[in-house]
Amino acid sequence: MKSKSQTECYVNTQYDVIVVGAGNGGMVAAATTAKNGFKTLLLEKNNTPGGSASSFVRGRFEFEPSLHELCAVGTKENPGTIYSLFDELGAKVNWEYDDYLFRAIVKGENGYDARIKSGIEDFCDSMEKAVPGCRQSVHSLFDVIRQNEEALAYNDKKNGNPNKLTMVSKYATFLKTAAHSAEALMTSLGIPKKAQNIISTYWSYLGVPTDEMSALHYFLMVNGYIQEKAAVPPFRSHELSVALIDVLLKNGGQIWYNSEVTEFIFNQKGKVCGVIANGQKLYAKQVISNIIPNNVYNRSEYVFLPKKAIKLTNARSFGLSIYCAYIGLDCSMEELGIEDYTVFVSDSPNPREQFKNLKNGNTYIVNCLNKILPNSSPEGTCTMFFSIPALGSDFPKDLKPQDYKHFKSNLIRKYIEDYQQLMHIDILSHIEEIEIATPATFARYLGTPEGTIYGYHLSYWDSMISRFTAKQKNISIPGLTFCGGHTAQGDGFSTSYTSGRTAAQIAMKNIRKDQ
């Protein structure tokens, strides 16, 4: 005999799928289930979709809040994972590309200034120019990447249950790569240390130094930039969000803005069967959460939460947050003397030292969107944004509200002055608009603990492989699937999108199984 709670869940089911949070993963999840004919509701606490994938206006400038560039996009002729994902959904997006991956500048005695291009051969040529004699060893890295991609394709073909003998005999390289750090792999290939440091420049995009980051994980991301180029949409990440919401609505789905979920509803068997938003109970066959597990558990009855899931979450540490300055300048990038789209600046060439010195702010990234999108700001102007990776736990605990504006203004001024001196350009006297975000900004807007924009730290024990293994051990809650930057592959636009697709596939499979 069903209890009252179970009966209520069963009788009052209004939706096939409820998705909580219209971040990148949530939007893809909702668009996917709606396109496949499932009655879908997407709930978002803010008044616009996208989370950080949005835009905002100050004066005559429209700023991009978070997107530097996407990897694994590709083109119509040679589509990557993200191009294919949007194309399959019918989400119409235009893309622009940058032939240069980045410029890396390390100050000091052992420093360097290297511009690195996309495309395997051009990448290797760039590396050879920066570190003479390294080309052959760097090129061998792509043989490993190719073998890993073949192993992953085989694993997908076997639905995550590959033949162990086949993996050992045919894909031994994959097993070795998954078990070692990116730095260990590069060392084993004979890549010189300086070249390793340059290749490791992207570590901050995953928030973990390459002596700790899984080689498999890191080079999957890096290869997505190298082979398919860095890509951005002409109308900023807001264009991506609008395209995905359009797919949801055209396929009969709904999105409710200003609708924060305050509670997850469980039946007596411990299955999530709905949520409460705006004081209203909403029921579904499956719930997908784009909000971090910590927040889900805080909005759930503790008795229904698996102890293993609670222990796992409590054992994790939060990933990076960020300080960011969005700057509108009253002159063009040519007048200012800007030549690059993405520039990484640090006092140390070593990724571990860069990570250890985050509290001192010795590493930062500068972007000028006009380099790829000349018309992204009014004629005769340009926009820049400075990004300083940081741990939210390092945000000053004793900072008083009345001192907050002064604190963030002084902090950002330090980086602008450093970059001016480094590049021999004048930024300060040309600033027309400036907005500054801190970990406190992201904690308030995204609702994440410590303002993390990277979910959980991808540590040795909590790597991508470990997270997939945890999923296989059923450390999960029936009726609930997670997507977003806190899932297996960590944060990043591309991985968040693919996590949304995966979550949708799991939810749809569960619904079909229960019918």
Protein backbone atom coordinates (compact mmCIF):
# COMPACT_ATOMS: atom_id res chain seq x y z
CA MET A 1 0.00 0.00 0.00
CA LYS A 2 1.39 3.39 -1.00
CA SER A 3 1.96 6.05 1.67
CA LYS A 4 0.38 9.49 1.31
CA SER A 5 3.70 10.93 0.09
CA GLN A 6 4.13 8.18 -2.51
CA THR A 7 0.55 8.56 -3.72
CA GLU A 8 0.95 12.33 -4.01
CA CYS A 9 4.09 11.88 -6.11
CA TYR A 10 2.40 9.31 -8.35
CA VAL A 11 -0.95 11.05 -8.86
CA ASN A 12 0.30 14.60 -9.20
CA THR A 13 3.20 14.04 -11.61
CA GLN A 14 3.06 17.09 -13.85
CA TYR A 15 6.27 16.69 -15.83
CA ASP A 16 8.47 13.97 -17.20
CA VAL A 17 11.58 15.97 -16.32
CA ILE A 18 12.26 18.97 -14.10
CA VAL A 19 15.66 20.60 -14.54
CA VAL A 20 16.90 22.77 -11.69
CA GLY A 21 19.13 25.63 -12.82
CA ALA A 22 19.52 27.12 -16.31
CA GLY A 23 23.29 27.00 -16.36
CA ASN A 24 25.08 25.50 -19.35
CA GLY A 25 24.46 21.89 -18.33
CA GLY A 26 20.87 22.53 -17.30
CA MET A 27 19.98 24.24 -20.56
CA VAL A 28 21.36 21.38 -22.66
CA ALA A 29 19.63 18.81 -20.45
CA ALA A 30 16.27 20.57 -20.75
CA ALA A 31 16.64 21.15 -24.50
CA THR A 32 17.57 17.48 -25.01
CA THR A 33 14.64 16.00 -23.07
CA ALA A 34 12.15 18.40 -24.67
CA LYS A 35 13.43 17.67 -28.17
CA ASN A 36 12.98 13.96 -27.48
CA GLY A 37 9.33 14.44 -26.60
CA PHE A 38 9.51 14.53 -22.80
CA LYS A 39 7.44 17.13 -20.98
CA THR A 40 10.12 19.37 -19.50
CA LEU A 41 10.24 22.25 -17.02
CA LEU A 42 13.42 24.27 -16.47
CA LEU A 43 13.57 26.32 -13.27
CA GLU A 44 15.94 29.28 -12.93
CA LYS A 45 16.38 31.55 -9.91
CA ASN A 46 17.60 34.54 -11.96
CA ASN A 47 15.65 36.53 -14.54
CA THR A 48 17.83 35.45 -17.47
CA PRO A 49 19.17 32.05 -18.59
CA GLY A 50 22.74 30.87 -18.69
CA GLY A 51 24.19 31.54 -15.26
CA SER A 52 27.65 32.82 -16.20
CA ALA A 53 26.84 32.26 -19.88
CA SER A 54 25.19 35.63 -20.31
CA SER A 55 26.12 39.27 -20.88
CA PHE A 56 25.62 42.58 -19.14
CA VAL A 57 25.68 46.22 -20.20
CA ARG A 58 27.55 49.13 -18.68
CA GLY A 59 27.28 52.42 -20.53
CA ARG A 60 27.70 51.73 -24.23
CA PHE A 61 29.52 48.41 -23.69
CA GLU A 62 28.11 44.89 -23.54
CA PHE A 63 30.43 42.59 -21.61
CA GLU A 64 31.03 38.84 -21.63
CA PRO A 65 31.03 37.66 -17.99
CA SER A 66 32.97 34.41 -18.21
CA LEU A 67 33.69 32.83 -21.58
CA HIS A 68 37.27 33.02 -22.78
CA GLU A 69 36.86 30.47 -25.53
CA LEU A 70 35.33 27.05 -26.15
CA CYS A 71 37.24 23.92 -27.05
CA ALA A 72 36.04 20.92 -29.08
CA VAL A 73 33.82 23.09 -31.29
CA GLY A 74 35.17 22.50 -34.79
CA THR A 75 33.43 23.53 -37.99
CA LYS A 76 30.59 22.37 -40.22
CA GLU A 77 33.10 20.49 -42.35
CA ASN A 78 34.97 19.04 -39.38
CA PRO A 79 32.60 19.18 -36.40
CA GLY A 80 33.82 18.66 -32.87
CA THR A 81 31.77 17.50 -29.90
CA ILE A 82 30.22 20.92 -29.21
CA TYR A 83 29.43 21.78 -32.82
CA SER A 84 27.72 18.38 -33.19
CA LEU A 85 25.82 18.79 -29.90
CA PHE A 86 24.34 22.16 -30.89
CA ASP A 87 23.69 20.97 -34.45
CA GLU A 88 21.83 17.84 -33.30
CA LEU A 89 19.65 19.92 -31.01
CA GLY A 90 18.96 22.41 -33.78
CA ALA A 91 20.46 25.26 -31.75
CA LYS A 92 21.60 27.86 -34.26
CA VAL A 93 24.93 29.42 -33.35
CA ASN A 94 27.60 31.18 -35.38
CA TRP A 95 31.23 30.69 -34.48
CA GLU A 96 34.42 32.69 -34.87
CA TYR A 97 37.87 31.17 -34.39
CA ASP A 98 41.32 32.18 -33.22
CA ASP A 99 44.35 30.67 -34.94
CA TYR A 100 46.47 31.40 -31.88
CA LEU A 101 45.71 29.42 -28.74
CA PHE A 102 47.43 31.81 -26.37
CA ARG A 103 50.41 33.95 -25.60
CA ALA A 104 52.21 32.90 -22.42
CA ILE A 105 54.45 35.40 -20.65
CA VAL A 106 56.49 34.40 -17.63
CA LYS A 107 58.40 37.21 -15.98
CA GLY A 108 61.80 36.92 -14.34
CA GLU A 109 65.14 35.25 -14.94
CA ASN A 110 63.73 31.92 -16.18
CA GLY A 111 60.85 33.51 -18.01
CA TYR A 112 59.70 33.37 -21.60
CA ASP A 113 57.26 34.96 -24.05
CA ALA A 114 55.68 32.39 -26.37
CA ARG A 115 52.83 32.60 -28.87
CA ILE A 116 51.30 29.19 -29.52
CA LYS A 117 49.18 28.37 -32.57
CA SER A 118 46.38 25.83 -33.08
CA GLY A 119 46.56 22.80 -35.41
CA ILE A 120 48.90 19.93 -34.59
CA GLU A 121 51.71 20.88 -36.98
CA ASP A 122 51.47 24.61 -36.23
CA PHE A 123 51.34 23.86 -32.51
CA CYS A 124 54.51 21.78 -32.77
CA ASP A 125 56.19 24.49 -34.87
CA SER A 126 55.27 27.10 -32.25
CA MET A 127 56.68 24.91 -29.52
CA GLU A 128 59.89 24.32 -31.49
CA LYS A 129 60.31 28.07 -31.90
CA ALA A 130 59.84 28.60 -28.16
CA VAL A 131 61.96 25.59 -27.12
CA PRO A 132 64.38 24.53 -29.88
CA GLY A 133 64.77 20.76 -30.13
CA CYS A 134 61.42 19.85 -28.55
CA ARG A 135 59.33 19.29 -31.70
CA GLN A 136 59.67 15.52 -32.00
CA SER A 137 58.87 14.83 -28.35
CA VAL A 138 55.92 17.23 -28.42
CA HIS A 139 54.60 15.62 -31.60
CA SER A 140 54.70 12.19 -29.93
CA LEU A 141 52.13 13.51 -27.46
CA PHE A 142 49.50 13.45 -30.20
CA ASP A 143 50.07 9.74 -30.82
CA VAL A 144 49.11 9.16 -27.18
CA ILE A 145 46.08 11.44 -27.51
CA ARG A 146 44.93 9.58 -30.63
CA GLN A 147 45.24 6.21 -28.87
CA ASN A 148 43.27 7.55 -25.91
CA GLU A 149 40.50 8.78 -28.19
CA GLU A 150 40.29 5.31 -29.78
CA ALA A 151 40.07 3.74 -26.32
CA LEU A 152 37.30 6.13 -25.28
CA ALA A 153 35.39 5.38 -28.47
CA TYR A 154 35.66 1.66 -27.72
CA ASN A 155 34.51 2.27 -24.15
CA ASP A 156 31.48 4.22 -25.40
CA LYS A 157 30.67 1.45 -27.86
CA LYS A 158 30.59 -0.98 -24.93
CA ASN A 159 28.41 1.40 -22.87
CA GLY A 160 31.09 1.83 -20.24
CA ASN A 161 31.65 -1.91 -19.78
CA PRO A 162 34.66 -2.72 -21.98
CA ASN A 163 36.35 -6.12 -22.13
CA LYS A 164 39.20 -5.93 -19.62
CA LEU A 165 41.50 -8.12 -21.69
CA THR A 166 40.94 -5.91 -24.74
CA MET A 167 41.70 -2.79 -22.70
CA VAL A 168 44.95 -4.28 -21.41
CA SER A 169 46.12 -5.73 -24.73
CA LYS A 170 44.94 -3.08 -27.19
CA TYR A 171 44.58 0.09 -25.13
CA ALA A 172 47.37 -0.17 -22.56
CA THR A 173 48.40 3.41 -23.30
CA PHE A 174 44.97 4.58 -22.18
CA LEU A 175 45.28 2.77 -18.86
CA LYS A 176 48.75 4.23 -18.25
CA THR A 177 47.61 7.72 -19.17
CA ALA A 178 44.54 7.60 -16.93
CA ALA A 179 46.72 6.59 -13.98
CA HIS A 180 49.37 9.30 -14.36
CA SER A 181 49.53 13.07 -14.20
CA ALA A 182 49.92 15.26 -17.28
CA GLU A 183 53.39 16.22 -16.09
CA ALA A 184 54.43 12.56 -15.63
CA LEU A 185 53.25 11.73 -19.14
CA MET A 186 55.18 14.61 -20.70
CA THR A 187 58.30 13.61 -18.77
CA SER A 188 57.99 10.02 -19.99
CA LEU A 189 57.86 11.29 -23.58
CA GLY A 190 61.08 13.25 -23.10
CA ILE A 191 59.44 16.68 -23.44
CA PRO A 192 61.81 19.33 -22.03
CA LYS A 193 60.73 21.05 -18.81
CA LYS A 194 60.34 24.47 -20.41
CA ALA A 195 58.12 22.97 -23.12
CA GLN A 196 56.11 21.16 -20.43
CA ASN A 197 55.49 24.46 -18.66
CA ILE A 198 54.24 26.11 -21.85
CA ILE A 199 51.96 23.16 -22.67
CA SER A 200 50.69 23.35 -19.07
CA THR A 201 49.54 26.96 -19.50
CA TYR A 202 45.89 25.88 -19.68
CA TRP A 203 45.98 24.31 -16.20
CA SER A 204 43.94 27.20 -14.78
CA TYR A 205 41.07 26.31 -17.16
CA LEU A 206 40.56 23.18 -15.05
CA GLY A 207 41.85 24.63 -11.79
CA VAL A 208 44.44 21.91 -11.09
CA PRO A 209 48.22 21.98 -11.75
CA THR A 210 49.52 19.46 -14.26
CA ASP A 211 51.54 17.53 -11.66
CA GLU A 212 48.17 16.57 -10.15
CA MET A 213 45.79 16.68 -13.10
CA SER A 214 45.08 13.38 -14.84
CA ALA A 215 46.96 13.22 -18.15
CA LEU A 216 43.89 11.75 -19.83
CA HIS A 217 41.68 14.60 -18.65
CA TYR A 218 44.10 17.45 -19.32
CA PHE A 219 45.05 16.43 -22.83
CA LEU A 220 41.47 15.73 -23.84
CA MET A 221 40.81 19.40 -23.13
CA VAL A 222 44.03 20.71 -24.67
CA ASN A 223 43.53 18.64 -27.81
CA GLY A 224 40.06 20.16 -28.17
CA TYR A 225 41.74 23.55 -28.51
CA ILE A 226 44.67 22.42 -30.65
CA GLN A 227 42.85 20.36 -33.27
CA GLU A 228 39.59 22.32 -33.48
CA LYS A 229 40.77 25.84 -32.56
CA ALA A 230 39.45 28.08 -29.83
CA ALA A 231 35.98 29.35 -30.74
CA VAL A 232 33.63 32.09 -29.52
CA PRO A 233 30.10 33.09 -30.59
CA PRO A 234 29.76 36.60 -32.14
CA PHE A 235 27.12 37.64 -29.61
CA ARG A 236 29.00 36.30 -26.59
CA SER A 237 27.93 33.34 -24.51
CA HIS A 238 24.43 34.85 -24.27
CA GLU A 239 24.00 33.73 -27.90
CA LEU A 240 24.55 30.13 -26.80
CA SER A 241 22.04 30.40 -23.97
CA VAL A 242 19.36 31.99 -26.16
CA ALA A 243 19.83 29.27 -28.80
CA LEU A 244 19.37 26.49 -26.24
CA ILE A 245 16.33 28.07 -24.61
CA ASP A 246 14.83 28.51 -28.09
CA VAL A 247 15.16 24.73 -28.64
CA LEU A 248 13.44 24.07 -25.30
CA LEU A 249 10.51 26.36 -26.05
CA LYS A 250 10.04 25.25 -29.66
CA ASN A 251 9.75 21.66 -28.47
CA GLY A 252 7.04 22.37 -25.92
CA GLY A 253 9.26 22.81 -22.87
CA GLN A 254 8.87 25.56 -20.32
CA ILE A 255 11.29 27.79 -18.43
CA TRP A 256 10.26 29.62 -15.28
CA TYR A 257 12.49 32.53 -14.31
CA ASN A 258 12.73 34.01 -10.81
CA SER A 259 11.92 30.51 -9.55
CA GLU A 260 14.52 29.28 -7.09
CA VAL A 261 14.14 25.71 -5.90
CA THR A 262 14.05 25.67 -2.10
CA GLU A 263 13.42 21.97 -1.51
CA PHE A 264 13.75 18.59 -3.22
CA ILE A 265 10.80 16.27 -2.65
CA PHE A 266 11.37 12.56 -1.91
CA ASN A 267 8.89 9.69 -1.76
CA GLN A 268 9.07 7.13 1.05
CA LYS A 269 11.44 4.93 -0.94
CA GLY A 270 13.97 7.74 -1.10
CA LYS A 271 13.43 8.64 -4.73
CA VAL A 272 13.41 12.29 -5.76
CA CYS A 273 10.02 12.95 -7.32
CA GLY A 274 9.80 16.72 -7.43
CA VAL A 275 10.80 20.10 -6.06
CA ILE A 276 9.35 23.13 -4.36
CA ALA A 277 9.76 26.50 -6.11
CA ASN A 278 7.96 29.73 -5.23
CA GLY A 279 6.16 27.76 -2.54
CA GLN A 280 4.63 25.45 -5.16
CA LYS A 281 5.10 21.66 -5.24
CA LEU A 282 6.10 20.43 -8.68
CA TYR A 283 6.35 16.71 -9.48
CA ALA A 284 8.30 14.85 -12.15
CA LYS A 285 9.38 11.34 -13.09
CA GLN A 286 13.02 12.48 -13.11
CA VAL A 287 14.82 15.55 -11.73
CA ILE A 288 18.09 16.90 -13.12
CA SER A 289 20.13 19.32 -11.01
CA ASN A 290 22.51 21.89 -12.43
CA ILE A 291 23.17 23.16 -8.91
CA ILE A 292 26.05 21.76 -6.88
CA PRO A 293 25.32 18.71 -4.66
CA ASN A 294 26.08 20.67 -1.46
CA ASN A 295 23.13 22.95 -2.19
CA VAL A 296 20.89 20.04 -3.18
CA TYR A 297 21.63 18.19 0.06
CA ASN A 298 20.98 21.34 2.10
CA ARG A 299 17.52 21.48 0.50
CA SER A 300 16.70 17.81 1.08
CA GLU A 301 15.52 15.69 3.99
CA TYR A 302 18.69 14.22 5.43
CA VAL A 303 17.10 10.83 6.09
CA PHE A 304 16.76 10.18 2.35
CA LEU A 305 20.36 11.01 1.43
CA PRO A 306 22.73 8.06 0.91
CA LYS A 307 25.53 8.16 3.50
CA LYS A 308 28.14 7.47 0.82
CA ALA A 309 27.00 10.49 -1.17
CA ILE A 310 27.19 12.73 1.91
CA LYS A 311 30.66 11.44 2.81
CA LEU A 312 31.91 11.93 -0.73
CA THR A 313 30.67 15.50 -0.87
CA ASN A 314 32.08 16.37 2.56
CA ALA A 315 35.46 14.94 1.58
CA ARG A 316 35.76 17.18 -1.44
CA SER A 317 37.28 20.65 -1.53
CA PHE A 318 35.93 23.40 -3.73
CA GLY A 319 37.60 24.37 -6.99
CA LEU A 320 38.82 27.77 -8.07
CA SER A 321 36.88 30.98 -8.04
CA ILE A 322 38.03 34.16 -9.74
CA TYR A 323 38.46 37.92 -9.61
CA CYS A 324 37.50 39.54 -12.89
CA ALA A 325 37.62 43.09 -14.24
CA TYR A 326 35.47 43.99 -17.27
CA ILE A 327 36.87 47.10 -18.93
CA GLY A 328 35.48 49.29 -21.72
CA LEU A 329 38.12 51.53 -23.31
CA ASP A 330 37.59 54.71 -25.35
CA CYS A 331 40.12 53.71 -28.02
CA SER A 332 40.56 50.79 -30.41
CA MET A 333 42.82 47.84 -29.72
CA GLU A 334 45.06 49.01 -32.56
CA GLU A 335 45.43 52.45 -30.98
CA LEU A 336 46.15 50.85 -27.65
CA GLY A 337 48.72 48.47 -29.14
CA ILE A 338 46.99 45.17 -28.28
CA GLU A 339 48.04 42.27 -30.52
CA ASP A 340 46.66 39.17 -28.80
CA TYR A 341 43.31 37.73 -27.77
CA THR A 342 44.45 35.65 -24.79
CA VAL A 343 47.57 36.36 -22.73
CA PHE A 344 48.58 34.34 -19.67
CA VAL A 345 50.93 36.17 -17.31
CA SER A 346 52.81 34.70 -14.35
CA ASP A 347 55.85 35.23 -12.16
CA SER A 348 56.75 31.53 -12.29
CA PRO A 349 56.97 29.06 -15.19
CA ASN A 350 55.99 26.10 -12.98
CA PRO A 351 52.24 25.31 -12.71
CA ARG A 352 52.57 24.02 -9.13
CA GLU A 353 54.27 27.26 -8.06
CA GLN A 354 51.59 29.24 -9.85
CA PHE A 355 48.92 27.34 -7.92
CA LYS A 356 50.72 27.71 -4.58
CA ASN A 357 51.00 31.46 -5.13
CA LEU A 358 47.34 32.06 -5.99
CA LYS A 359 46.89 33.89 -2.71
CA ASN A 360 49.57 36.36 -3.81
CA GLY A 361 47.88 36.76 -7.18
CA ASN A 362 50.96 36.12 -9.29
CA THR A 363 49.04 34.59 -12.21
CA TYR A 364 46.40 36.28 -14.36
CA ILE A 365 44.82 36.16 -17.81
CA VAL A 366 43.99 39.09 -20.12
CA ASN A 367 41.56 38.92 -23.04
CA CYS A 368 40.59 41.43 -25.71
CA LEU A 369 37.44 40.21 -27.47
CA ASN A 370 37.88 42.66 -30.36
CA LYS A 371 40.82 40.58 -31.60
CA ILE A 372 38.37 37.86 -32.68
CA LEU A 373 35.18 39.94 -32.90
CA PRO A 374 36.13 43.43 -34.17
CA ASN A 375 32.54 44.67 -33.84
CA SER A 376 32.01 43.44 -30.27
CA SER A 377 32.20 47.02 -28.99
CA PRO A 378 31.30 50.44 -30.52
CA GLU A 379 33.53 51.76 -33.29
CA GLY A 380 36.72 53.31 -31.98
CA THR A 381 36.57 51.35 -28.71
CA CYS A 382 37.57 47.96 -27.36
CA THR A 383 36.90 45.77 -24.33
CA MET A 384 39.33 43.86 -22.16
CA PHE A 385 38.85 41.60 -19.22
CA PHE A 386 41.35 40.59 -16.59
CA SER A 387 40.83 37.21 -14.87
CA ILE A 388 42.73 36.32 -11.70
CA PRO A 389 42.28 32.69 -10.55
CA ALA A 390 41.77 32.46 -6.79
CA LEU A 391 40.55 30.16 -4.06
CA GLY A 392 37.31 31.42 -2.60
CA SER A 393 38.54 30.30 0.83
CA ASP A 394 41.29 32.95 0.56
CA PHE A 395 38.77 35.78 0.20
CA PRO A 396 39.35 38.13 3.19
CA LYS A 397 37.16 36.98 6.07
CA ASP A 398 37.37 40.29 7.92
CA LEU A 399 36.55 42.54 4.95
CA LYS A 400 33.88 45.06 5.96
CA PRO A 401 31.06 45.93 3.52
CA GLN A 402 32.08 49.59 3.47
CA ASP A 403 35.63 48.56 2.43
CA TYR A 404 34.62 46.12 -0.32
CA LYS A 405 34.65 48.59 -3.24
CA HIS A 406 38.01 50.00 -2.20
CA PHE A 407 39.45 46.50 -1.79
CA LYS A 408 38.49 45.24 -5.24
CA SER A 409 39.43 48.50 -6.99
CA ASN A 410 42.93 48.47 -5.50
CA LEU A 411 43.37 44.78 -6.31
CA ILE A 412 42.48 45.17 -9.98
CA ARG A 413 44.51 48.36 -10.36
CA LYS A 414 47.60 46.34 -9.41
CA TYR A 415 47.08 43.98 -12.36
CA ILE A 416 46.28 46.73 -14.83
CA GLU A 417 49.45 48.59 -13.85
CA ASP A 418 51.50 45.38 -14.11
CA TYR A 419 50.12 44.64 -17.58
CA GLN A 420 50.69 48.23 -18.72
CA GLN A 421 54.34 48.00 -17.73
CA LEU A 422 54.74 44.55 -19.24
CA MET A 423 53.16 45.42 -22.60
CA HIS A 424 54.18 49.10 -22.76
CA ILE A 425 50.61 50.29 -23.26
CA ASP A 426 48.34 52.77 -21.45
CA ILE A 427 45.09 51.31 -20.17
CA LEU A 428 44.19 53.39 -17.12
CA SER A 429 43.77 56.73 -18.89
CA HIS A 430 41.45 55.15 -21.50
CA ILE A 431 39.01 53.41 -19.13
CA GLU A 432 35.45 54.53 -19.86
CA GLU A 433 33.62 51.74 -18.01
CA ILE A 434 34.81 49.16 -15.50
CA GLU A 435 33.01 46.52 -13.47
CA ILE A 436 34.77 44.21 -11.02
CA ALA A 437 33.62 40.78 -9.85
CA THR A 438 35.07 38.81 -6.94
CA PRO A 439 34.42 35.37 -5.42
CA ALA A 440 31.70 37.11 -3.39
CA THR A 441 30.01 38.16 -6.66
CA PHE A 442 29.96 34.61 -7.97
CA ALA A 443 28.83 33.21 -4.62
CA ARG A 444 25.88 35.61 -4.69
CA TYR A 445 24.95 35.20 -8.35
CA LEU A 446 25.64 31.49 -8.86
CA GLY A 447 24.88 30.43 -5.30
CA THR A 448 28.00 28.24 -5.15
CA PRO A 449 29.97 27.67 -1.92
CA GLU A 450 33.03 29.93 -1.73
CA GLY A 451 31.97 31.38 -5.09
CA THR A 452 33.52 28.41 -6.90
CA ILE A 453 33.14 28.49 -10.67
CA TYR A 454 34.91 25.12 -10.99
CA GLY A 455 32.74 22.88 -8.84
CA TYR A 456 35.00 20.53 -6.89
CA HIS A 457 38.78 20.41 -7.00
CA LEU A 458 39.91 17.63 -9.36
CA SER A 459 42.40 16.19 -6.89
CA TYR A 460 44.41 12.96 -7.08
CA TRP A 461 41.70 10.90 -5.40
CA ASP A 462 38.81 12.82 -6.96
CA SER A 463 39.89 12.80 -10.59
CA MET A 464 37.67 12.34 -13.64
CA ILE A 465 38.30 8.58 -13.59
CA SER A 466 37.51 8.38 -9.86
CA ARG A 467 34.25 10.23 -10.40
CA PHE A 468 33.17 7.88 -13.16
CA THR A 469 34.05 4.97 -10.88
CA ALA A 470 31.96 6.47 -8.07
CA LYS A 471 28.99 6.67 -10.43
CA GLN A 472 29.41 2.99 -11.27
CA LYS A 473 29.38 2.18 -7.53
CA ASN A 474 25.92 3.70 -7.30
CA ILE A 475 26.82 6.64 -5.09
CA SER A 476 23.67 8.34 -6.29
CA ILE A 477 20.10 9.27 -5.38
CA PRO A 478 17.24 7.58 -7.27
CA GLY A 479 15.33 9.97 -9.50
CA LEU A 480 18.08 12.61 -9.42
CA THR A 481 20.87 13.23 -11.94
CA PHE A 482 23.49 15.97 -11.78
CA CYS A 483 24.97 18.07 -14.58
CA GLY A 484 27.29 21.06 -14.69
CA GLY A 485 30.81 21.94 -13.62
CA HIS A 486 30.70 19.80 -10.45
CA THR A 487 30.33 16.54 -12.41
CA ALA A 488 32.94 14.08 -13.67
CA GLN A 489 34.88 16.28 -16.09
CA GLY A 490 34.89 19.41 -13.95
CA ASP A 491 34.00 22.86 -15.15
CA GLY A 492 34.30 24.60 -18.48
CA PHE A 493 31.65 25.52 -21.02
CA SER A 494 32.26 22.50 -23.23
CA THR A 495 32.26 19.91 -20.44
CA SER A 496 29.18 21.48 -18.84
CA TYR A 497 27.29 21.20 -22.12
CA THR A 498 28.23 17.55 -22.58
CA SER A 499 27.33 16.80 -18.94
CA GLY A 500 23.84 18.16 -19.65
CA ARG A 501 23.44 15.81 -22.58
CA THR A 502 24.62 12.86 -20.48
CA ALA A 503 22.24 13.73 -17.64
CA ALA A 504 19.34 13.97 -20.10
CA GLN A 505 20.18 10.58 -21.59
CA ILE A 506 20.23 8.99 -18.12
CA ALA A 507 16.92 10.61 -17.16
CA MET A 508 15.21 9.54 -20.39
CA LYS A 509 16.53 5.99 -20.03
CA ASN A 510 15.18 5.81 -16.47
CA ILE A 511 11.77 7.06 -17.53
CA ARG A 512 11.53 4.52 -20.35
CA LYS A 513 12.63 1.75 -17.99
CA ASP A 514 9.89 2.64 -15.49
CA GLN A 515 7.11 2.78 -18.09
